[in-house]
């Protein structure tokens, strides 16, 4: 039985996910990426300490979900749809995962994560 690599997440109008961190048990905690399928004008994705993320349709966002608290709010009157993918899926090539890990380490050189 193969596991899906991506799932569609749906947030109702007025929906909210409180600030939180996800535990990854990895030295480079980047377990998932997401792609906005639509993004209502009043939807917000926040990452501490950076603030609101500017979301562009068609872009892939890689999230270090363990080291950076994050939250989501949909203050619009329409549903928000996001495609979420897990990078630790056994069907993803190790070369790709290593490239992603190296980019994370290079992006945060001041020991924000341990490399």
Protein backbone atom coordinates (compact mmCIF):
# COMPACT_ATOMS: atom_id res chain seq x y z
CA UNK A 1 0.00 0.00 0.00
CA UNK A 2 1.59 3.30 -1.10
CA UNK A 3 1.17 6.35 1.08
CA UNK A 4 0.08 9.61 -0.57
CA UNK A 5 2.76 12.26 -0.80
CA UNK A 6 0.29 15.18 -0.84
CA UNK A 7 -3.01 15.92 0.86
CA UNK A 8 -5.42 18.81 0.40
CA UNK A 9 -6.10 20.84 3.53
CA UNK A 10 -9.22 22.99 3.77
CA UNK A 11 -9.79 25.93 6.09
CA UNK A 12 -13.32 27.25 6.51
CA UNK A 13 -14.07 30.97 6.45
CA UNK A 14 -13.17 32.34 9.88
CA UNK A 15 -10.90 29.33 10.55
CA UNK A 16 -7.80 29.67 12.70
CA UNK A 17 -4.85 27.47 13.71
CA UNK A 18 -3.20 28.78 16.89
CA UNK A 19 0.55 29.46 16.93
CA UNK A 20 2.40 26.17 17.36
CA UNK A 21 5.52 24.21 16.52
CA UNK A 22 5.53 20.71 15.07
CA UNK A 23 8.05 18.23 16.42
CA UNK A 24 10.13 16.65 13.63
CA UNK A 25 12.81 14.57 15.42
CA UNK A 26 15.34 15.63 12.80
CA UNK A 27 18.44 17.83 12.79
CA UNK A 28 16.93 19.66 9.82
CA UNK A 29 13.24 19.74 10.71
CA UNK A 30 11.54 20.33 7.40
CA UNK A 31 8.94 17.64 7.17
CA UNK A 32 6.56 19.30 4.79
CA UNK A 33 5.98 21.77 2.05
CA UNK A 34 2.77 23.38 0.88
CA UNK A 35 1.28 24.99 -2.19
CA UNK A 36 -1.68 27.37 -2.02
CA UNK A 37 -4.40 26.22 -4.42
CA UNK A 38 -6.26 29.45 -3.71
CA UNK A 39 -5.46 32.15 -1.20
CA UNK A 40 -8.25 34.53 -0.24
CA UNK A 41 -7.14 38.12 0.27
CA UNK A 42 -7.91 37.97 4.00
CA UNK A 43 -6.11 34.67 4.63
CA UNK A 44 -2.91 34.92 6.65
CA UNK A 45 0.04 32.63 7.27
CA UNK A 46 2.39 33.83 9.99
CA UNK A 47 5.84 32.58 10.99
CA UNK A 48 7.53 33.89 14.15
CA UNK A 49 9.64 36.04 14.23
CA UNK A 50 9.21 37.06 10.57
CA UNK A 51 5.51 37.88 10.56
CA UNK A 52 3.03 37.45 7.73
CA UNK A 53 4.25 35.40 4.77
CA UNK A 54 3.44 36.81 1.34
CA UNK A 55 1.81 33.88 -0.43
CA UNK A 56 2.02 33.58 -4.21
CA UNK A 57 -0.16 31.09 -6.04
CA UNK A 58 1.96 28.42 -7.72
CA UNK A 59 4.92 28.80 -5.34
CA UNK A 60 6.10 25.93 -3.15
CA UNK A 61 6.77 26.84 0.48
CA UNK A 62 9.17 24.76 2.57
CA UNK A 63 8.56 25.17 6.29
CA UNK A 64 10.98 24.55 9.14
CA UNK A 65 8.00 23.75 11.33
CA UNK A 66 9.94 22.77 14.46
CA UNK A 67 12.16 25.81 15.00
CA UNK A 68 9.69 28.47 13.93
CA UNK A 69 6.24 28.82 15.53
CA UNK A 70 3.60 29.39 12.88
CA UNK A 71 -0.13 30.01 12.62
CA UNK A 72 -2.86 30.38 10.00
CA UNK A 73 -6.04 32.46 9.89
CA UNK A 74 -8.70 32.65 7.22
CA UNK A 75 -10.51 35.92 7.83
CA UNK A 76 -12.24 35.74 4.45
CA UNK A 77 -15.71 34.55 3.49
CA UNK A 78 -14.39 31.74 1.27
CA UNK A 79 -12.67 28.41 1.85
CA UNK A 80 -8.86 28.28 1.70
CA UNK A 81 -7.28 25.23 0.00
CA UNK A 82 -3.64 24.19 0.40
CA UNK A 83 -1.82 21.16 -0.94
CA UNK A 84 0.54 19.83 1.79
CA UNK A 85 3.33 17.36 1.09
CA UNK A 86 5.59 15.39 3.40
CA UNK A 87 9.25 15.34 2.48
CA UNK A 88 10.05 12.29 4.60
CA UNK A 89 7.94 10.08 2.36
CA UNK A 90 9.87 6.91 1.38
CA UNK A 91 9.22 7.58 -2.32
CA UNK A 92 11.20 10.83 -2.41
CA UNK A 93 14.83 10.35 -3.54
CA UNK A 94 17.52 10.80 -0.86
CA UNK A 95 19.44 13.17 -3.17
CA UNK A 96 16.49 15.57 -3.14
CA UNK A 97 16.10 15.37 0.65
CA UNK A 98 19.84 16.00 1.11
CA UNK A 99 19.65 19.05 -1.18
CA UNK A 100 16.74 20.45 0.86
CA UNK A 101 18.59 19.82 4.14
CA UNK A 102 21.74 21.54 2.86
CA UNK A 103 19.72 24.55 1.73
CA UNK A 104 18.15 24.84 5.19
CA UNK A 105 21.54 24.65 6.88
CA UNK A 106 22.93 27.30 4.50
CA UNK A 107 19.89 29.54 5.04
CA UNK A 108 20.31 29.59 8.83
CA UNK A 109 24.07 29.84 9.43
CA UNK A 110 23.80 31.34 12.94
CA UNK A 111 22.96 28.07 14.70
CA UNK A 112 19.23 28.53 14.39
CA UNK A 113 19.31 24.80 13.63
CA UNK A 114 22.07 22.34 14.37
CA UNK A 115 23.77 21.12 11.22
